[in-house]
Amino acid sequence: IERYLKRLLAQSETGTVSVQRNQLAETFSCAPSQISYVLATRFLLEHGYLVETRRGGGGYVRITLLRMDSEQDWRLLLDSIGEAINQGRSEAIINRLQREGIINEREAMLMRAGLSRAALNIKLPWRDMVRADILRAMLIALQQAKN
C-alpha cells in the first residue's frame, strides 16, 4: 500500500494524490482501517507528507508530498515538533532533511548524535522536551543558512 501510494505521488505533477479509501481497500483486499494504519504510520509530517482525510460517502484521502522549499513547509515542520519529541520522530525528520538534500550524511550523523538518548542523559519527559528545543534550534539554523 505504501509503495503504491508513493508511486502515485512520484507520477503526480502536482505532488498531490487523492484516492478513495474504500477503493484502495478493495484494490488491496483489506479493510479500510488497514489503509488508515498505513497512512498514520508511513505518511507523517516528519516524513514529508501532509495527509487530509474525509470520512463518509466512501471517504477520500489526499496525500501531498511536501518539499522544504517554502517558508510554509519549514513552519509546518517546526510546528510538528511541539513541546517534546521522541528520538524516533526526530530521526524521521533528520532522514527527511537528508533525503531532500538539505543536509549531507555527515551532518545527519552529527544531528543524530546530538539528539540521541546517550547525549541527552536525563529522565523523561525532560529528555524529549530538551530534544525538541535542540532540534528546533537546528532547523532554524538550517533554514537561515538556506536563505
N, C-alpha and C. Protein backbone atom coordinates (compact mmCIF):
# COMPACT_ATOMS: atom_id res chain seq x y z
N ILE A 1 0.84 -1.19 0.00
CA ILE A 1 0.00 0.00 0.00
C ILE A 1 0.88 1.25 0.00
N GLU A 2 1.89 1.22 0.87
CA GLU A 2 2.81 2.36 0.94
C GLU A 2 3.51 2.58 -0.40
N ARG A 3 4.07 1.51 -0.97
CA ARG A 3 4.78 1.62 -2.25
C ARG A 3 3.85 2.14 -3.35
N TYR A 4 2.63 1.63 -3.37
CA TYR A 4 1.65 2.05 -4.37
C TYR A 4 1.37 3.55 -4.27
N LEU A 5 1.12 4.03 -3.05
CA LEU A 5 0.82 5.45 -2.86
C LEU A 5 2.04 6.32 -3.20
N LYS A 6 3.22 5.87 -2.83
CA LYS A 6 4.43 6.63 -3.15
C LYS A 6 4.68 6.66 -4.66
N ARG A 7 4.35 5.57 -5.33
CA ARG A 7 4.48 5.54 -6.79
C ARG A 7 3.51 6.54 -7.43
N LEU A 8 2.27 6.58 -6.93
CA LEU A 8 1.30 7.56 -7.44
C LEU A 8 1.80 8.98 -7.22
N LEU A 9 2.36 9.24 -6.05
CA LEU A 9 2.89 10.58 -5.76
C LEU A 9 4.04 10.93 -6.69
N ALA A 10 4.90 9.98 -6.97
CA ALA A 10 6.05 10.22 -7.84
C ALA A 10 5.58 10.54 -9.26
N GLN A 11 4.47 9.95 -9.69
CA GLN A 11 3.93 10.18 -11.03
C GLN A 11 3.12 11.46 -11.12
N SER A 12 2.73 12.00 -9.99
CA SER A 12 1.90 13.20 -9.96
C SER A 12 2.72 14.44 -10.26
N GLU A 13 2.23 15.28 -11.16
CA GLU A 13 2.92 16.52 -11.49
C GLU A 13 2.81 17.54 -10.36
N THR A 14 1.73 17.46 -9.59
CA THR A 14 1.48 18.44 -8.53
C THR A 14 2.02 18.00 -7.17
N GLY A 15 2.44 16.74 -7.05
CA GLY A 15 2.91 16.24 -5.77
C GLY A 15 1.76 15.91 -4.82
N THR A 16 0.55 15.83 -5.38
CA THR A 16 -0.64 15.51 -4.58
C THR A 16 -1.39 14.38 -5.25
N VAL A 17 -1.92 13.51 -4.42
CA VAL A 17 -2.72 12.40 -4.94
C VAL A 17 -3.98 12.27 -4.08
N SER A 18 -5.12 12.04 -4.72
CA SER A 18 -6.37 11.81 -4.00
C SER A 18 -6.91 10.44 -4.38
N VAL A 19 -7.26 9.68 -3.38
CA VAL A 19 -7.82 8.34 -3.61
C VAL A 19 -8.98 8.13 -2.65
N GLN A 20 -9.88 7.23 -3.05
CA GLN A 20 -10.97 6.87 -2.14
C GLN A 20 -10.49 5.71 -1.28
N ARG A 21 -10.69 5.85 0.02
CA ARG A 21 -10.23 4.85 0.96
C ARG A 21 -10.82 3.46 0.65
N ASN A 22 -12.13 3.41 0.37
CA ASN A 22 -12.77 2.12 0.09
C ASN A 22 -12.25 1.48 -1.19
N GLN A 23 -12.02 2.28 -2.22
CA GLN A 23 -11.47 1.73 -3.47
C GLN A 23 -10.07 1.19 -3.24
N LEU A 24 -9.30 1.90 -2.47
CA LEU A 24 -7.94 1.45 -2.15
C LEU A 24 -7.98 0.14 -1.36
N ALA A 25 -8.90 0.06 -0.41
CA ALA A 25 -9.06 -1.16 0.38
C ALA A 25 -9.46 -2.33 -0.52
N GLU A 26 -10.35 -2.08 -1.48
CA GLU A 26 -10.75 -3.14 -2.42
C GLU A 26 -9.57 -3.58 -3.27
N THR A 27 -8.79 -2.62 -3.76
CA THR A 27 -7.63 -2.93 -4.59
C THR A 27 -6.67 -3.86 -3.88
N PHE A 28 -6.49 -3.64 -2.58
CA PHE A 28 -5.54 -4.44 -1.82
C PHE A 28 -6.21 -5.53 -0.98
N SER A 29 -7.51 -5.72 -1.17
CA SER A 29 -8.27 -6.74 -0.45
C SER A 29 -8.01 -6.66 1.05
N CYS A 30 -8.25 -5.47 1.60
CA CYS A 30 -8.05 -5.28 3.02
C CYS A 30 -9.14 -4.37 3.57
N ALA A 31 -9.17 -4.22 4.86
CA ALA A 31 -10.16 -3.35 5.50
C ALA A 31 -9.70 -1.89 5.39
N PRO A 32 -10.65 -0.96 5.30
CA PRO A 32 -10.28 0.46 5.27
C PRO A 32 -9.41 0.88 6.46
N SER A 33 -9.59 0.19 7.59
CA SER A 33 -8.77 0.53 8.77
C SER A 33 -7.30 0.24 8.51
N GLN A 34 -6.99 -0.74 7.65
CA GLN A 34 -5.60 -1.02 7.32
C GLN A 34 -5.00 0.12 6.48
N ILE A 35 -5.82 0.71 5.63
CA ILE A 35 -5.39 1.88 4.87
C ILE A 35 -5.08 3.01 5.85
N SER A 36 -5.97 3.20 6.81
CA SER A 36 -5.76 4.25 7.82
C SER A 36 -4.47 4.02 8.59
N TYR A 37 -4.19 2.77 8.92
CA TYR A 37 -2.97 2.44 9.66
C TYR A 37 -1.73 2.81 8.85
N VAL A 38 -1.71 2.46 7.57
CA VAL A 38 -0.57 2.79 6.72
C VAL A 38 -0.39 4.30 6.66
N LEU A 39 -1.47 5.03 6.49
CA LEU A 39 -1.39 6.50 6.44
C LEU A 39 -0.86 7.07 7.75
N ALA A 40 -1.33 6.52 8.86
CA ALA A 40 -0.96 7.05 10.18
C ALA A 40 0.48 6.73 10.57
N THR A 41 1.07 5.70 9.96
CA THR A 41 2.42 5.31 10.36
C THR A 41 3.49 5.61 9.31
N ARG A 42 3.12 5.71 8.05
CA ARG A 42 4.12 5.86 6.98
C ARG A 42 4.08 7.21 6.27
N PHE A 43 2.99 7.96 6.46
CA PHE A 43 2.85 9.24 5.76
C PHE A 43 2.68 10.37 6.77
N LEU A 44 3.67 10.50 7.63
CA LEU A 44 3.65 11.52 8.68
C LEU A 44 4.29 12.81 8.20
N LEU A 45 3.97 13.88 8.86
CA LEU A 45 4.56 15.17 8.54
C LEU A 45 6.08 15.11 8.67
N GLU A 46 6.57 14.39 9.67
CA GLU A 46 8.02 14.26 9.85
C GLU A 46 8.68 13.63 8.62
N HIS A 47 7.93 12.77 7.94
CA HIS A 47 8.45 12.09 6.75
C HIS A 47 8.27 12.93 5.49
N GLY A 48 7.56 14.05 5.60
CA GLY A 48 7.40 14.94 4.46
C GLY A 48 6.07 14.83 3.75
N TYR A 49 5.04 14.38 4.45
CA TYR A 49 3.74 14.22 3.83
C TYR A 49 2.67 14.95 4.64
N LEU A 50 1.72 15.52 3.93
CA LEU A 50 0.54 16.10 4.55
C LEU A 50 -0.63 15.24 4.11
N VAL A 51 -1.36 14.68 5.07
CA VAL A 51 -2.48 13.79 4.76
C VAL A 51 -3.77 14.43 5.23
N GLU A 52 -4.72 14.53 4.31
CA GLU A 52 -6.05 15.03 4.63
C GLU A 52 -7.03 13.91 4.33
N THR A 53 -7.94 13.67 5.26
CA THR A 53 -8.92 12.61 5.05
C THR A 53 -10.32 13.13 5.32
N ARG A 54 -11.29 12.46 4.67
CA ARG A 54 -12.69 12.77 4.94
C ARG A 54 -13.43 11.44 5.01
N ARG A 55 -14.20 11.30 6.04
CA ARG A 55 -14.97 10.06 6.22
C ARG A 55 -16.35 10.22 5.59
N GLY A 56 -17.02 9.10 5.40
CA GLY A 56 -18.37 9.12 4.87
C GLY A 56 -18.37 9.16 3.35
N GLY A 57 -19.38 8.55 2.75
CA GLY A 57 -19.51 8.54 1.29
C GLY A 57 -18.31 7.91 0.61
N GLY A 58 -17.74 6.90 1.22
CA GLY A 58 -16.55 6.27 0.66
C GLY A 58 -15.29 6.93 1.17
N GLY A 59 -15.41 8.18 1.58
CA GLY A 59 -14.27 8.91 2.12
C GLY A 59 -13.14 9.05 1.12
N TYR A 60 -12.38 10.06 1.26
CA TYR A 60 -11.22 10.21 0.39
C TYR A 60 -9.99 10.50 1.24
N VAL A 61 -8.87 10.28 0.63
CA VAL A 61 -7.59 10.56 1.25
C VAL A 61 -6.80 11.40 0.26
N ARG A 62 -6.29 12.52 0.70
CA ARG A 62 -5.43 13.35 -0.14
C ARG A 62 -4.06 13.41 0.53
N ILE A 63 -3.05 12.99 -0.22
CA ILE A 63 -1.68 12.99 0.29
C ILE A 63 -0.88 13.99 -0.54
N THR A 64 -0.20 14.87 0.15
CA THR A 64 0.64 15.85 -0.51
C THR A 64 2.07 15.65 -0.06
N LEU A 65 2.97 15.54 -1.03
CA LEU A 65 4.39 15.44 -0.74
C LEU A 65 4.92 16.85 -0.54
N LEU A 66 5.44 17.10 0.65
CA LEU A 66 5.96 18.43 0.97
C LEU A 66 7.43 18.50 0.64
N ARG A 67 7.86 19.63 0.15
CA ARG A 67 9.26 19.90 -0.11
C ARG A 67 9.68 21.06 0.75
N MET A 68 10.89 21.01 1.23
CA MET A 68 11.37 22.06 2.12
C MET A 68 11.84 23.28 1.32
N ASP A 69 11.01 23.70 0.37
CA ASP A 69 11.41 24.83 -0.46
C ASP A 69 10.55 26.07 -0.21
N SER A 70 9.69 26.00 0.77
CA SER A 70 8.89 27.19 1.07
C SER A 70 8.90 27.46 2.57
N GLU A 71 8.66 28.69 2.89
CA GLU A 71 8.58 29.11 4.29
C GLU A 71 7.51 28.32 5.03
N GLN A 72 6.38 28.07 4.35
CA GLN A 72 5.27 27.35 4.95
C GLN A 72 5.67 25.91 5.32
N ASP A 73 6.44 25.25 4.45
CA ASP A 73 6.85 23.87 4.74
C ASP A 73 7.78 23.83 5.95
N TRP A 74 8.67 24.81 6.06
CA TRP A 74 9.54 24.88 7.24
C TRP A 74 8.70 25.12 8.49
N ARG A 75 7.73 26.01 8.40
CA ARG A 75 6.86 26.33 9.54
C ARG A 75 6.09 25.08 9.97
N LEU A 76 5.53 24.33 9.01
CA LEU A 76 4.80 23.09 9.33
C LEU A 76 5.71 22.11 10.07
N LEU A 77 6.93 21.98 9.59
CA LEU A 77 7.86 21.04 10.22
C LEU A 77 8.21 21.50 11.63
N LEU A 78 8.50 22.77 11.79
CA LEU A 78 8.82 23.30 13.13
C LEU A 78 7.64 23.12 14.07
N ASP A 79 6.43 23.40 13.59
CA ASP A 79 5.23 23.25 14.42
C ASP A 79 4.97 21.80 14.81
N SER A 80 5.36 20.87 13.93
CA SER A 80 5.10 19.45 14.20
C SER A 80 5.93 18.93 15.38
N ILE A 81 7.00 19.62 15.72
CA ILE A 81 7.86 19.17 16.82
C ILE A 81 7.13 19.27 18.15
N GLY A 82 6.38 20.33 18.34
CA GLY A 82 5.65 20.50 19.58
C GLY A 82 6.58 20.78 20.75
N GLU A 83 6.07 20.54 21.95
CA GLU A 83 6.84 20.79 23.17
C GLU A 83 7.88 19.71 23.44
N ALA A 84 7.63 18.52 22.90
CA ALA A 84 8.53 17.38 23.14
C ALA A 84 8.53 16.49 21.90
N ILE A 85 9.64 15.80 21.69
CA ILE A 85 9.73 14.88 20.55
C ILE A 85 10.61 13.70 20.94
N ASN A 86 10.18 12.51 20.57
CA ASN A 86 10.98 11.33 20.91
C ASN A 86 12.09 11.13 19.87
N GLN A 87 12.99 10.22 20.16
CA GLN A 87 14.14 10.00 19.29
C GLN A 87 13.71 9.51 17.91
N GLY A 88 12.74 8.64 17.84
CA GLY A 88 12.28 8.11 16.55
C GLY A 88 11.75 9.19 15.62
N ARG A 89 10.92 10.07 16.17
CA ARG A 89 10.37 11.15 15.35
C ARG A 89 11.46 12.13 14.94
N SER A 90 12.41 12.40 15.83
CA SER A 90 13.49 13.32 15.46
C SER A 90 14.36 12.71 14.36
N GLU A 91 14.58 11.42 14.41
CA GLU A 91 15.35 10.75 13.36
C GLU A 91 14.61 10.76 12.04
N ALA A 92 13.29 10.65 12.08
CA ALA A 92 12.49 10.73 10.84
C ALA A 92 12.67 12.10 10.18
N ILE A 93 12.71 13.15 10.98
CA ILE A 93 12.93 14.50 10.45
C ILE A 93 14.32 14.61 9.85
N ILE A 94 15.32 14.08 10.53
CA ILE A 94 16.69 14.11 10.02
C ILE A 94 16.77 13.34 8.70
N ASN A 95 16.14 12.18 8.63
CA ASN A 95 16.13 11.38 7.39
C ASN A 95 15.49 12.17 6.25
N ARG A 96 14.42 12.88 6.56
CA ARG A 96 13.74 13.69 5.54
C ARG A 96 14.67 14.79 5.03
N LEU A 97 15.35 15.48 5.95
CA LEU A 97 16.27 16.55 5.55
C LEU A 97 17.38 16.00 4.67
N GLN A 98 17.86 14.82 5.01
CA GLN A 98 18.92 14.19 4.21
C GLN A 98 18.37 13.76 2.84
N ARG A 99 17.21 13.16 2.82
CA ARG A 99 16.59 12.71 1.57
C ARG A 99 16.36 13.87 0.61
N GLU A 100 16.02 15.03 1.17
CA GLU A 100 15.75 16.19 0.33
C GLU A 100 17.00 16.99 0.01
N GLY A 101 18.17 16.52 0.47
CA GLY A 101 19.42 17.16 0.12
C GLY A 101 19.73 18.42 0.90
N ILE A 102 19.03 18.64 1.99
CA ILE A 102 19.25 19.83 2.81
C ILE A 102 20.48 19.64 3.69
N ILE A 103 20.69 18.40 4.13
CA ILE A 103 21.89 18.06 4.90
C ILE A 103 22.55 16.85 4.26
N ASN A 104 23.83 16.70 4.51
CA ASN A 104 24.54 15.54 3.98
C ASN A 104 24.65 14.45 5.05
N GLU A 105 25.29 13.36 4.71
CA GLU A 105 25.41 12.22 5.63
C GLU A 105 26.12 12.61 6.92
N ARG A 106 27.18 13.37 6.81
CA ARG A 106 27.95 13.78 7.99
C ARG A 106 27.10 14.65 8.92
N GLU A 107 26.40 15.61 8.36
CA GLU A 107 25.55 16.48 9.16
C GLU A 107 24.43 15.69 9.83
N ALA A 108 23.88 14.72 9.10
CA ALA A 108 22.84 13.87 9.67
C ALA A 108 23.38 13.08 10.86
N MET A 109 24.59 12.55 10.72
CA MET A 109 25.20 11.80 11.82
C MET A 109 25.41 12.68 13.04
N LEU A 110 25.85 13.91 12.82
CA LEU A 110 26.06 14.83 13.94
C LEU A 110 24.74 15.18 14.62
N MET A 111 23.70 15.40 13.82
CA MET A 111 22.39 15.72 14.40
C MET A 111 21.86 14.54 15.21
N ARG A 112 21.98 13.34 14.65
CA ARG A 112 21.52 12.14 15.38
C ARG A 112 22.27 11.99 16.70
N ALA A 113 23.59 12.21 16.66
CA ALA A 113 24.39 12.07 17.88
C ALA A 113 23.96 13.09 18.93
N GLY A 114 23.73 14.31 18.52
CA GLY A 114 23.35 15.36 19.46
C GLY A 114 21.96 15.20 20.03
N LEU A 115 21.11 14.47 19.33
CA LEU A 115 19.73 14.28 19.77
C LEU A 115 19.49 12.90 20.38
N SER A 116 20.54 12.11 20.50
CA SER A 116 20.39 10.73 20.98
C SER A 116 20.14 10.65 22.48
N ARG A 117 19.64 9.50 22.90
CA ARG A 117 19.43 9.24 24.33
C ARG A 117 20.74 9.34 25.10
N ALA A 118 21.81 8.88 24.47
CA ALA A 118 23.12 8.89 25.14
C ALA A 118 23.58 10.32 25.41
N ALA A 119 23.37 11.21 24.46
CA ALA A 119 23.79 12.60 24.63
C ALA A 119 22.87 13.35 25.59
N LEU A 120 21.61 13.01 25.55
CA LEU A 120 20.62 13.67 26.41
C LEU A 120 20.32 12.75 27.59
N ASN A 121 21.29 12.60 28.43
CA ASN A 121 21.23 11.65 29.54
C ASN A 121 20.44 12.24 30.72
N ILE A 122 19.17 12.50 30.47
CA ILE A 122 18.26 13.00 31.51
C ILE A 122 16.97 12.20 31.43
N LYS A 123 16.19 12.25 32.48
CA LYS A 123 14.98 11.45 32.56
C LYS A 123 13.86 12.05 31.71
N LEU A 124 12.98 11.14 31.28
CA LEU A 124 11.75 11.57 30.60
C LEU A 124 10.85 12.26 31.60
N PRO A 125 10.05 13.21 31.28
CA PRO A 125 9.80 13.76 29.94
C PRO A 125 10.76 14.86 29.56
N TRP A 126 11.69 15.20 30.47
CA TRP A 126 12.62 16.31 30.20
C TRP A 126 13.46 16.05 28.97
N ARG A 127 13.90 14.81 28.79
CA ARG A 127 14.75 14.48 27.64
C ARG A 127 14.06 14.85 26.33
N ASP A 128 12.79 14.46 26.20
CA ASP A 128 12.07 14.75 24.95
C ASP A 128 11.81 16.25 24.78
N MET A 129 11.69 16.96 25.89
CA MET A 129 11.49 18.41 25.82
C MET A 129 12.78 19.11 25.39
N VAL A 130 13.90 18.69 25.95
CA VAL A 130 15.19 19.26 25.58
C VAL A 130 15.50 18.92 24.12
N ARG A 131 15.22 17.68 23.71
CA ARG A 131 15.44 17.25 22.32
C ARG A 131 14.64 18.15 21.37
N ALA A 132 13.42 18.46 21.72
CA ALA A 132 12.58 19.32 20.87
C ALA A 132 13.21 20.71 20.73
N ASP A 133 13.70 21.26 21.83
CA ASP A 133 14.33 22.59 21.78
C ASP A 133 15.58 22.58 20.91
N ILE A 134 16.40 21.54 21.06
CA ILE A 134 17.64 21.45 20.28
C ILE A 134 17.32 21.27 18.80
N LEU A 135 16.39 20.36 18.49
CA LEU A 135 16.03 20.11 17.10
C LEU A 135 15.45 21.37 16.46
N ARG A 136 14.61 22.06 17.18
CA ARG A 136 14.03 23.30 16.68
C ARG A 136 15.12 24.32 16.36
N ALA A 137 16.10 24.45 17.25
CA ALA A 137 17.22 25.37 17.03
C ALA A 137 18.03 24.95 15.79
N MET A 138 18.25 23.65 15.63
CA MET A 138 18.97 23.15 14.46
C MET A 138 18.23 23.48 13.17
N LEU A 139 16.92 23.27 13.17
CA LEU A 139 16.12 23.53 11.97
C LEU A 139 16.10 25.01 11.62
N ILE A 140 16.00 25.84 12.62
CA ILE A 140 16.02 27.29 12.38
C ILE A 140 17.37 27.70 11.78
N ALA A 141 18.45 27.14 12.31
CA ALA A 141 19.78 27.45 11.75
C ALA A 141 19.89 26.97 10.31
N LEU A 142 19.37 25.78 10.01
CA LEU A 142 19.41 25.27 8.64
C LEU A 142 18.58 26.15 7.70
N GLN A 143 17.43 26.56 8.18
CA GLN A 143 16.56 27.41 7.36
C GLN A 143 17.24 28.74 7.07
N GLN A 144 17.88 29.32 8.07
CA GLN A 144 18.57 30.60 7.87
C GLN A 144 19.76 30.44 6.93
N ALA A 145 20.46 29.33 7.02
CA ALA A 145 21.61 29.09 6.15
C ALA A 145 21.15 28.90 4.71
N LYS A 146 19.97 28.35 4.54
CA LYS A 146 19.42 28.09 3.20
C LYS A 146 19.04 29.40 2.51
N ASN A 147 18.60 30.38 3.31
CA ASN A 147 18.15 31.65 2.74
C ASN A 147 19.28 32.53 2.45
